[in-house]
Amino acid sequence: MTRVRVNRSRNIAIAIFLALVTVAIVALFVFLLAGKPIPVLETHGTIADQERTIIIITALLAAIVVVPVFAMLAIFAWRYRAGNSRAKYQPNMSGHRGLELLWWGIPCLIILVLGIITYVSTHNLDPYKQLPLAKGQTPVKVQVVALQWRWLFIYPGTQTASMNDLTIPVNTPIELSITADAPMNSFWIPALAGQVYAMSGMSTKLNLSADSVGTYNGVSSNISGSGFAAMSFKVHVVNSADYKSWVQQGAHSMSMLTYSDYEDIAKPSNDSTPRIYMLMDDNLFNDIINSYTSASPNQNGSMEMGN
């Protein structure tokens, strides 16, 4: 009798210890994240808002399975422990049709729902798709070049280019054409839109729109060498008047950007200082792409990756 009590006391102590460890881990997690921004959940763009909704729905659907599984793991481990002589052994329940339907049916239903959400959202959020981000407005076009380990932004038709600094107007559709003059990379602004690959010799697309003025972080999300960790940039979302003023500042900059100048800044560098240039070669983006291929270019002068 005494031995049973000792075992029971020990098991209770172990259960309390594990519960305290769990609470401590959760508390530490909350403490570390307190006040920290989570861009994919604190979105400021039409595309990112929809992606956040998908993330939340997916997490809640997963919780329908994950939470009960871990709860039952703890319950079963406690109930059917070696020291619990009152637990009944019921091997015939392994073939119970109702229970089998329950633990197979719910996951299958969740997978079906996730499949439908994935299919619909994949087509709705196609980066190449001209979404009705701001009806009646002409998109602002920006050409993006991933270098080692910096980002170059070219604004065709404005005589303006910038390094590690993307400035766009608020509530305006932005059409990004993205390439790389370095190892393959991935362009990502978590608060505004999903990631899109940047690859040498071709141009990928991304359409987005920011719904509030502010400064957001853009990052490289594909390992590309020793400078990858610091390959980030700032996205400045400004009002229309400030955007026009910024473009004029670039068009009258003392720092000029020709193809020969570009060859210098395209060399591997960890210098992340933002810069603004007067663009002297409006065909620079196409020249960068065509330097990787001898194939016939399309009507825009670049080889574009298909949907």
Protein backbone atom coordinates (compact mmCIF):
# COMPACT_ATOMS: atom_id res chain seq x y z
CA MET A 1 0.00 0.00 0.00
CA THR A 2 2.85 2.35 0.92
CA ARG A 3 4.61 1.53 -2.35
CA VAL A 4 1.52 2.42 -4.37
CA ARG A 5 1.26 5.75 -2.53
CA VAL A 6 4.95 6.47 -3.18
CA ASN A 7 4.53 5.71 -6.90
CA ARG A 8 1.42 7.85 -7.07
CA SER A 9 3.16 10.75 -5.31
CA ARG A 10 6.14 10.43 -7.64
CA ASN A 11 3.90 10.43 -10.72
CA ILE A 12 2.04 13.49 -9.46
CA ALA A 13 5.34 15.25 -8.85
CA ILE A 14 6.52 14.40 -12.39
CA ALA A 15 3.23 15.65 -13.85
CA ILE A 16 3.49 18.92 -11.91
CA PHE A 17 7.11 19.35 -13.00
CA LEU A 18 6.26 18.82 -16.68
CA ALA A 19 3.34 21.24 -16.39
CA LEU A 20 5.63 23.89 -14.85
CA VAL A 21 8.22 23.36 -17.60
CA THR A 22 5.52 23.79 -20.23
CA VAL A 23 4.25 26.98 -18.61
CA ALA A 24 7.84 28.28 -18.36
CA ILE A 25 8.49 27.63 -22.05
CA VAL A 26 5.27 29.37 -23.07
CA ALA A 27 6.06 32.31 -20.76
CA LEU A 28 9.58 32.61 -22.23
CA PHE A 29 8.13 32.53 -25.75
CA VAL A 30 5.64 35.29 -24.90
CA PHE A 31 8.37 37.35 -23.19
CA LEU A 32 10.72 37.15 -26.18
CA LEU A 33 7.98 38.13 -28.63
CA ALA A 34 6.40 40.87 -26.52
CA GLY A 35 6.55 44.14 -28.42
CA LYS A 36 8.36 42.53 -31.36
CA PRO A 37 6.86 43.17 -34.81
CA ILE A 38 5.67 40.16 -36.80
CA PRO A 39 5.37 41.58 -40.34
CA VAL A 40 3.46 38.65 -41.84
CA LEU A 41 0.72 39.22 -39.25
CA GLU A 42 0.96 43.02 -39.09
CA THR A 43 0.28 43.64 -42.76
CA HIS A 44 -0.14 46.94 -44.62
CA GLY A 45 -0.93 45.86 -48.15
CA THR A 46 -3.76 44.37 -50.18
CA ILE A 47 -1.82 41.21 -51.06
CA ALA A 48 -0.30 40.72 -47.61
CA ASP A 49 -3.73 41.11 -45.97
CA GLN A 50 -5.06 38.17 -47.96
CA GLU A 51 -1.96 36.10 -47.21
CA ARG A 52 -2.34 36.83 -43.48
CA THR A 53 -5.92 35.58 -43.62
CA ILE A 54 -4.73 32.33 -45.24
CA ILE A 55 -2.05 31.89 -42.55
CA ILE A 56 -4.59 32.37 -39.74
CA ILE A 57 -7.17 30.01 -41.30
CA THR A 58 -4.51 27.36 -41.89
CA ALA A 59 -3.22 27.63 -38.30
CA LEU A 60 -6.74 27.32 -36.86
CA LEU A 61 -7.52 24.30 -39.03
CA ALA A 62 -4.26 22.67 -37.99
CA ALA A 63 -5.06 23.38 -34.34
CA ILE A 64 -8.23 21.28 -34.67
CA VAL A 65 -5.96 18.25 -35.02
CA VAL A 66 -2.78 19.30 -33.23
CA VAL A 67 -4.32 20.50 -29.94
CA PRO A 68 -6.47 17.35 -29.33
CA VAL A 69 -3.55 15.08 -30.29
CA PHE A 70 -1.19 16.62 -27.73
CA ALA A 71 -3.95 16.77 -25.14
CA MET A 72 -4.73 13.06 -25.63
CA LEU A 73 -1.03 12.26 -25.54
CA ALA A 74 -0.79 13.72 -22.04
CA ILE A 75 -4.11 12.17 -20.93
CA PHE A 76 -3.29 8.69 -22.24
CA ALA A 77 0.25 8.78 -20.83
CA TRP A 78 -1.18 9.67 -17.44
CA ARG A 79 -4.19 7.36 -17.48
CA TYR A 80 -2.43 4.26 -18.78
CA ARG A 81 0.80 4.63 -16.84
CA ALA A 82 2.25 1.54 -15.25
CA GLY A 83 1.25 2.62 -11.75
CA ASN A 84 -2.46 3.05 -12.55
CA SER A 85 -4.06 -0.34 -11.84
CA ARG A 86 -7.58 1.04 -12.42
CA ALA A 87 -7.06 1.70 -16.14
CA LYS A 88 -8.96 -0.87 -18.24
CA TYR A 89 -7.33 -2.68 -21.14
CA GLN A 90 -9.77 -2.63 -24.08
CA PRO A 91 -8.01 -3.99 -27.19
CA ASN A 92 -11.29 -4.47 -29.09
CA MET A 93 -11.72 -0.70 -29.43
CA SER A 94 -8.99 -0.67 -32.09
CA GLY A 95 -11.56 -1.65 -34.70
CA HIS A 96 -14.40 0.56 -33.51
CA ARG A 97 -16.03 2.02 -36.65
CA GLY A 98 -17.22 5.21 -34.99
CA LEU A 99 -13.81 6.04 -33.58
CA GLU A 100 -12.06 5.09 -36.84
CA LEU A 101 -14.41 7.41 -38.72
CA LEU A 102 -13.70 10.18 -36.21
CA TRP A 103 -9.92 10.13 -36.31
CA TRP A 104 -9.71 9.56 -40.06
CA GLY A 105 -12.68 11.67 -41.14
CA ILE A 106 -11.73 14.92 -39.42
CA PRO A 107 -8.15 15.06 -40.84
CA CYS A 108 -9.44 14.16 -44.32
CA LEU A 109 -12.04 16.93 -44.09
CA ILE A 110 -9.40 19.42 -42.97
CA ILE A 111 -7.10 18.43 -45.85
CA LEU A 112 -10.00 18.85 -48.28
CA VAL A 113 -10.73 22.35 -46.96
CA LEU A 114 -7.02 23.27 -47.10
CA GLY A 115 -6.84 21.97 -50.66
CA ILE A 116 -9.74 24.17 -51.75
CA ILE A 117 -8.25 27.23 -49.99
CA THR A 118 -4.86 26.56 -51.59
CA TYR A 119 -6.33 26.20 -55.08
CA VAL A 120 -8.43 29.37 -54.86
CA SER A 121 -5.77 31.53 -53.19
CA THR A 122 -3.02 30.35 -55.55
CA HIS A 123 -4.97 31.67 -58.52
CA ASN A 124 -6.23 34.82 -56.78
CA LEU A 125 -2.74 35.77 -55.54
CA ASP A 126 -0.82 34.93 -58.70
CA PRO A 127 2.13 37.42 -58.65
CA TYR A 128 1.72 37.95 -62.40
CA LYS A 129 -1.96 38.76 -62.09
CA GLN A 130 -2.98 42.40 -62.44
CA LEU A 131 -5.16 42.50 -59.37
CA PRO A 132 -7.67 45.35 -58.98
CA LEU A 133 -5.45 46.96 -56.35
CA ALA A 134 -6.50 50.49 -57.20
CA LYS A 135 -9.04 50.71 -59.99
CA GLY A 136 -8.45 53.35 -62.63
CA GLN A 137 -4.82 53.97 -61.63
CA THR A 138 -1.79 53.35 -63.81
CA PRO A 139 0.68 51.05 -62.01
CA VAL A 140 4.04 52.44 -60.97
CA LYS A 141 6.67 50.23 -62.58
CA VAL A 142 9.84 49.34 -60.73
CA GLN A 143 12.63 47.06 -61.95
CA VAL A 144 14.48 45.12 -59.26
CA VAL A 145 17.96 43.63 -59.58
CA ALA A 146 19.34 41.29 -56.91
CA LEU A 147 23.12 41.73 -56.60
CA GLN A 148 25.75 40.32 -54.26
CA TRP A 149 24.59 41.39 -51.62
CA ARG A 150 22.51 44.44 -52.38
CA TRP A 151 19.32 45.44 -54.15
CA LEU A 152 19.12 47.84 -57.08
CA PHE A 153 15.79 49.50 -57.92
CA ILE A 154 15.24 51.10 -61.33
CA TYR A 155 12.29 53.38 -62.07
CA PRO A 156 11.89 53.29 -65.87
CA GLY A 157 10.85 56.53 -67.52
CA THR A 158 11.84 58.69 -64.53
CA GLN A 159 15.66 58.80 -64.82
CA THR A 160 15.81 57.54 -61.23
CA ALA A 161 17.40 54.49 -59.59
CA SER A 162 18.21 53.63 -55.99
CA MET A 163 20.27 51.15 -54.01
CA ASN A 164 18.87 49.34 -50.94
CA ASP A 165 16.02 51.84 -50.80
CA LEU A 166 12.61 51.28 -52.44
CA THR A 167 10.25 54.26 -52.41
CA ILE A 168 6.66 53.82 -53.60
CA PRO A 169 3.43 55.87 -53.39
CA VAL A 170 0.64 54.80 -51.04
CA ASN A 171 -2.63 53.31 -52.33
CA THR A 172 -1.12 52.83 -55.79
CA PRO A 173 -0.63 49.58 -57.71
CA ILE A 174 3.07 48.72 -57.97
CA GLU A 175 4.29 46.42 -60.76
CA LEU A 176 7.69 44.94 -59.96
CA SER A 177 9.88 43.22 -62.56
CA ILE A 178 12.56 41.20 -60.77
CA THR A 179 15.83 39.68 -61.96
CA ALA A 180 19.28 38.82 -60.56
CA ASP A 181 22.83 39.57 -61.61
CA ALA A 182 24.17 37.20 -58.99
CA PRO A 183 23.23 33.78 -57.54
CA MET A 184 19.49 33.10 -57.46
CA ASN A 185 17.73 35.05 -54.75
CA SER A 186 14.24 35.74 -53.42
CA PHE A 187 12.63 39.16 -53.03
CA TRP A 188 10.31 39.58 -50.02
CA ILE A 189 8.53 42.43 -48.27
CA PRO A 190 6.65 40.54 -45.50
CA ALA A 191 4.29 43.38 -44.58
CA LEU A 192 3.25 44.06 -48.20
CA ALA A 193 3.45 40.85 -50.26
CA GLY A 194 4.82 37.33 -50.55
CA GLN A 195 8.24 36.34 -51.81
CA VAL A 196 9.16 35.97 -55.50
CA TYR A 197 12.37 34.47 -56.85
CA ALA A 198 14.97 36.62 -58.61
CA MET A 199 16.86 34.62 -61.24
CA SER A 200 19.58 35.53 -63.70
CA GLY A 201 18.61 35.80 -67.36
CA MET A 202 14.88 36.17 -66.78
CA SER A 203 12.30 38.51 -65.30
CA THR A 204 9.70 37.49 -62.72
CA LYS A 205 6.76 39.64 -61.66
CA LEU A 206 5.13 40.84 -58.47
CA ASN A 207 2.13 43.15 -58.12
CA LEU A 208 1.41 44.82 -54.78
CA SER A 209 -0.10 47.88 -53.14
CA ALA A 210 0.55 49.51 -49.75
CA ASP A 211 -2.45 50.92 -47.88
CA SER A 212 -0.66 53.07 -45.29
CA VAL A 213 2.30 55.44 -45.18
CA GLY A 214 5.33 54.07 -43.34
CA THR A 215 8.69 52.34 -43.58
CA TYR A 216 8.80 48.56 -43.93
CA ASN A 217 11.55 45.98 -44.13
CA GLY A 218 12.44 44.08 -47.27
CA VAL A 219 14.72 41.05 -47.15
CA SER A 220 16.46 38.39 -49.15
CA SER A 221 14.80 35.07 -48.32
CA ASN A 222 17.12 32.77 -50.26
CA ILE A 223 20.65 31.97 -49.06
CA SER A 224 23.05 33.50 -51.58
CA GLY A 225 26.46 33.52 -49.94
CA SER A 226 28.38 35.11 -47.08
CA GLY A 227 26.55 38.45 -47.24
CA PHE A 228 23.06 36.97 -47.30
CA ALA A 229 22.15 37.78 -43.68
CA ALA A 230 22.65 41.53 -44.20
CA MET A 231 21.02 41.69 -47.64
CA SER A 232 18.05 43.80 -46.66
CA PHE A 233 16.46 47.05 -47.77
CA LYS A 234 13.93 49.64 -46.62
CA VAL A 235 10.58 50.23 -48.28
CA HIS A 236 9.36 53.79 -47.87
CA VAL A 237 5.65 54.21 -48.57
CA VAL A 238 4.93 57.91 -49.03
CA ASN A 239 2.12 60.10 -50.28
CA SER A 240 1.88 61.10 -53.93
CA ALA A 241 3.50 64.52 -53.51
CA ASP A 242 6.47 63.12 -51.57
CA TYR A 243 6.92 60.38 -54.15
CA LYS A 244 7.09 62.90 -57.01
CA SER A 245 9.57 64.95 -55.02
CA TRP A 246 11.74 61.88 -54.39
CA VAL A 247 11.72 60.97 -58.09
CA GLN A 248 12.80 64.50 -58.97
CA GLN A 249 15.60 64.23 -56.43
CA GLY A 250 16.88 61.14 -58.23
CA ALA A 251 16.52 62.68 -61.68
CA HIS A 252 18.80 65.55 -60.56
CA SER A 253 21.22 63.49 -58.48
CA MET A 254 24.95 64.11 -58.92
CA SER A 255 25.52 60.33 -58.87
CA MET A 256 24.94 59.02 -62.37
CA LEU A 257 24.20 55.42 -63.30
CA THR A 258 25.32 54.19 -66.71
CA TYR A 259 26.07 50.58 -67.67
CA SER A 260 29.76 51.09 -66.90
CA ASP A 261 28.85 52.55 -63.50
CA TYR A 262 26.56 49.60 -62.94
CA GLU A 263 29.41 47.14 -63.55
CA ASP A 264 31.21 48.67 -60.59
CA ILE A 265 28.27 48.59 -58.15
CA ALA A 266 27.38 45.05 -59.27
CA LYS A 267 30.58 43.67 -57.76
CA PRO A 268 30.10 41.68 -54.50
CA SER A 269 29.78 44.07 -51.57
CA ASN A 270 28.39 44.17 -48.03
CA ASP A 271 27.89 47.94 -48.18
CA SER A 272 24.17 48.40 -47.44
CA THR A 273 24.22 52.23 -47.54
CA PRO A 274 21.12 53.57 -49.34
CA ARG A 275 21.93 55.57 -52.49
CA ILE A 276 19.99 57.40 -55.18
CA TYR A 277 21.15 57.80 -58.78
CA MET A 278 20.32 59.68 -61.95
CA LEU A 279 19.58 56.85 -64.38
CA MET A 280 21.40 57.50 -67.66
CA ASP A 281 20.51 54.22 -69.37
CA ASP A 282 16.76 53.50 -69.43
CA ASN A 283 17.45 50.09 -70.99
CA LEU A 284 19.75 48.96 -68.17
CA PHE A 285 17.37 46.31 -66.80
CA ASN A 286 16.99 44.64 -70.20
CA ASP A 287 20.74 44.80 -70.81
CA ILE A 288 21.35 42.99 -67.49
CA ILE A 289 18.93 40.22 -68.46
CA ASN A 290 20.22 39.90 -72.03
CA SER A 291 23.79 39.57 -70.79
CA TYR A 292 22.85 36.05 -69.62
CA THR A 293 21.15 34.81 -72.76
CA SER A 294 21.54 34.79 -76.51
CA ALA A 295 17.91 33.77 -77.08
CA SER A 296 15.55 36.10 -78.89
CA PRO A 297 14.07 38.63 -76.48
CA ASN A 298 10.37 39.28 -76.26
CA GLN A 299 8.72 42.48 -77.39
CA ASN A 300 9.81 44.24 -74.19
CA GLY A 301 13.42 43.26 -74.73
CA SER A 302 13.61 40.70 -71.90
CA MET A 303 13.10 37.03 -71.38
CA GLU A 304 10.15 36.66 -69.04
CA MET A 305 9.43 33.59 -66.97
CA GLY A 306 5.97 32.16 -67.66
CA ASN A 307 3.18 31.75 -65.14
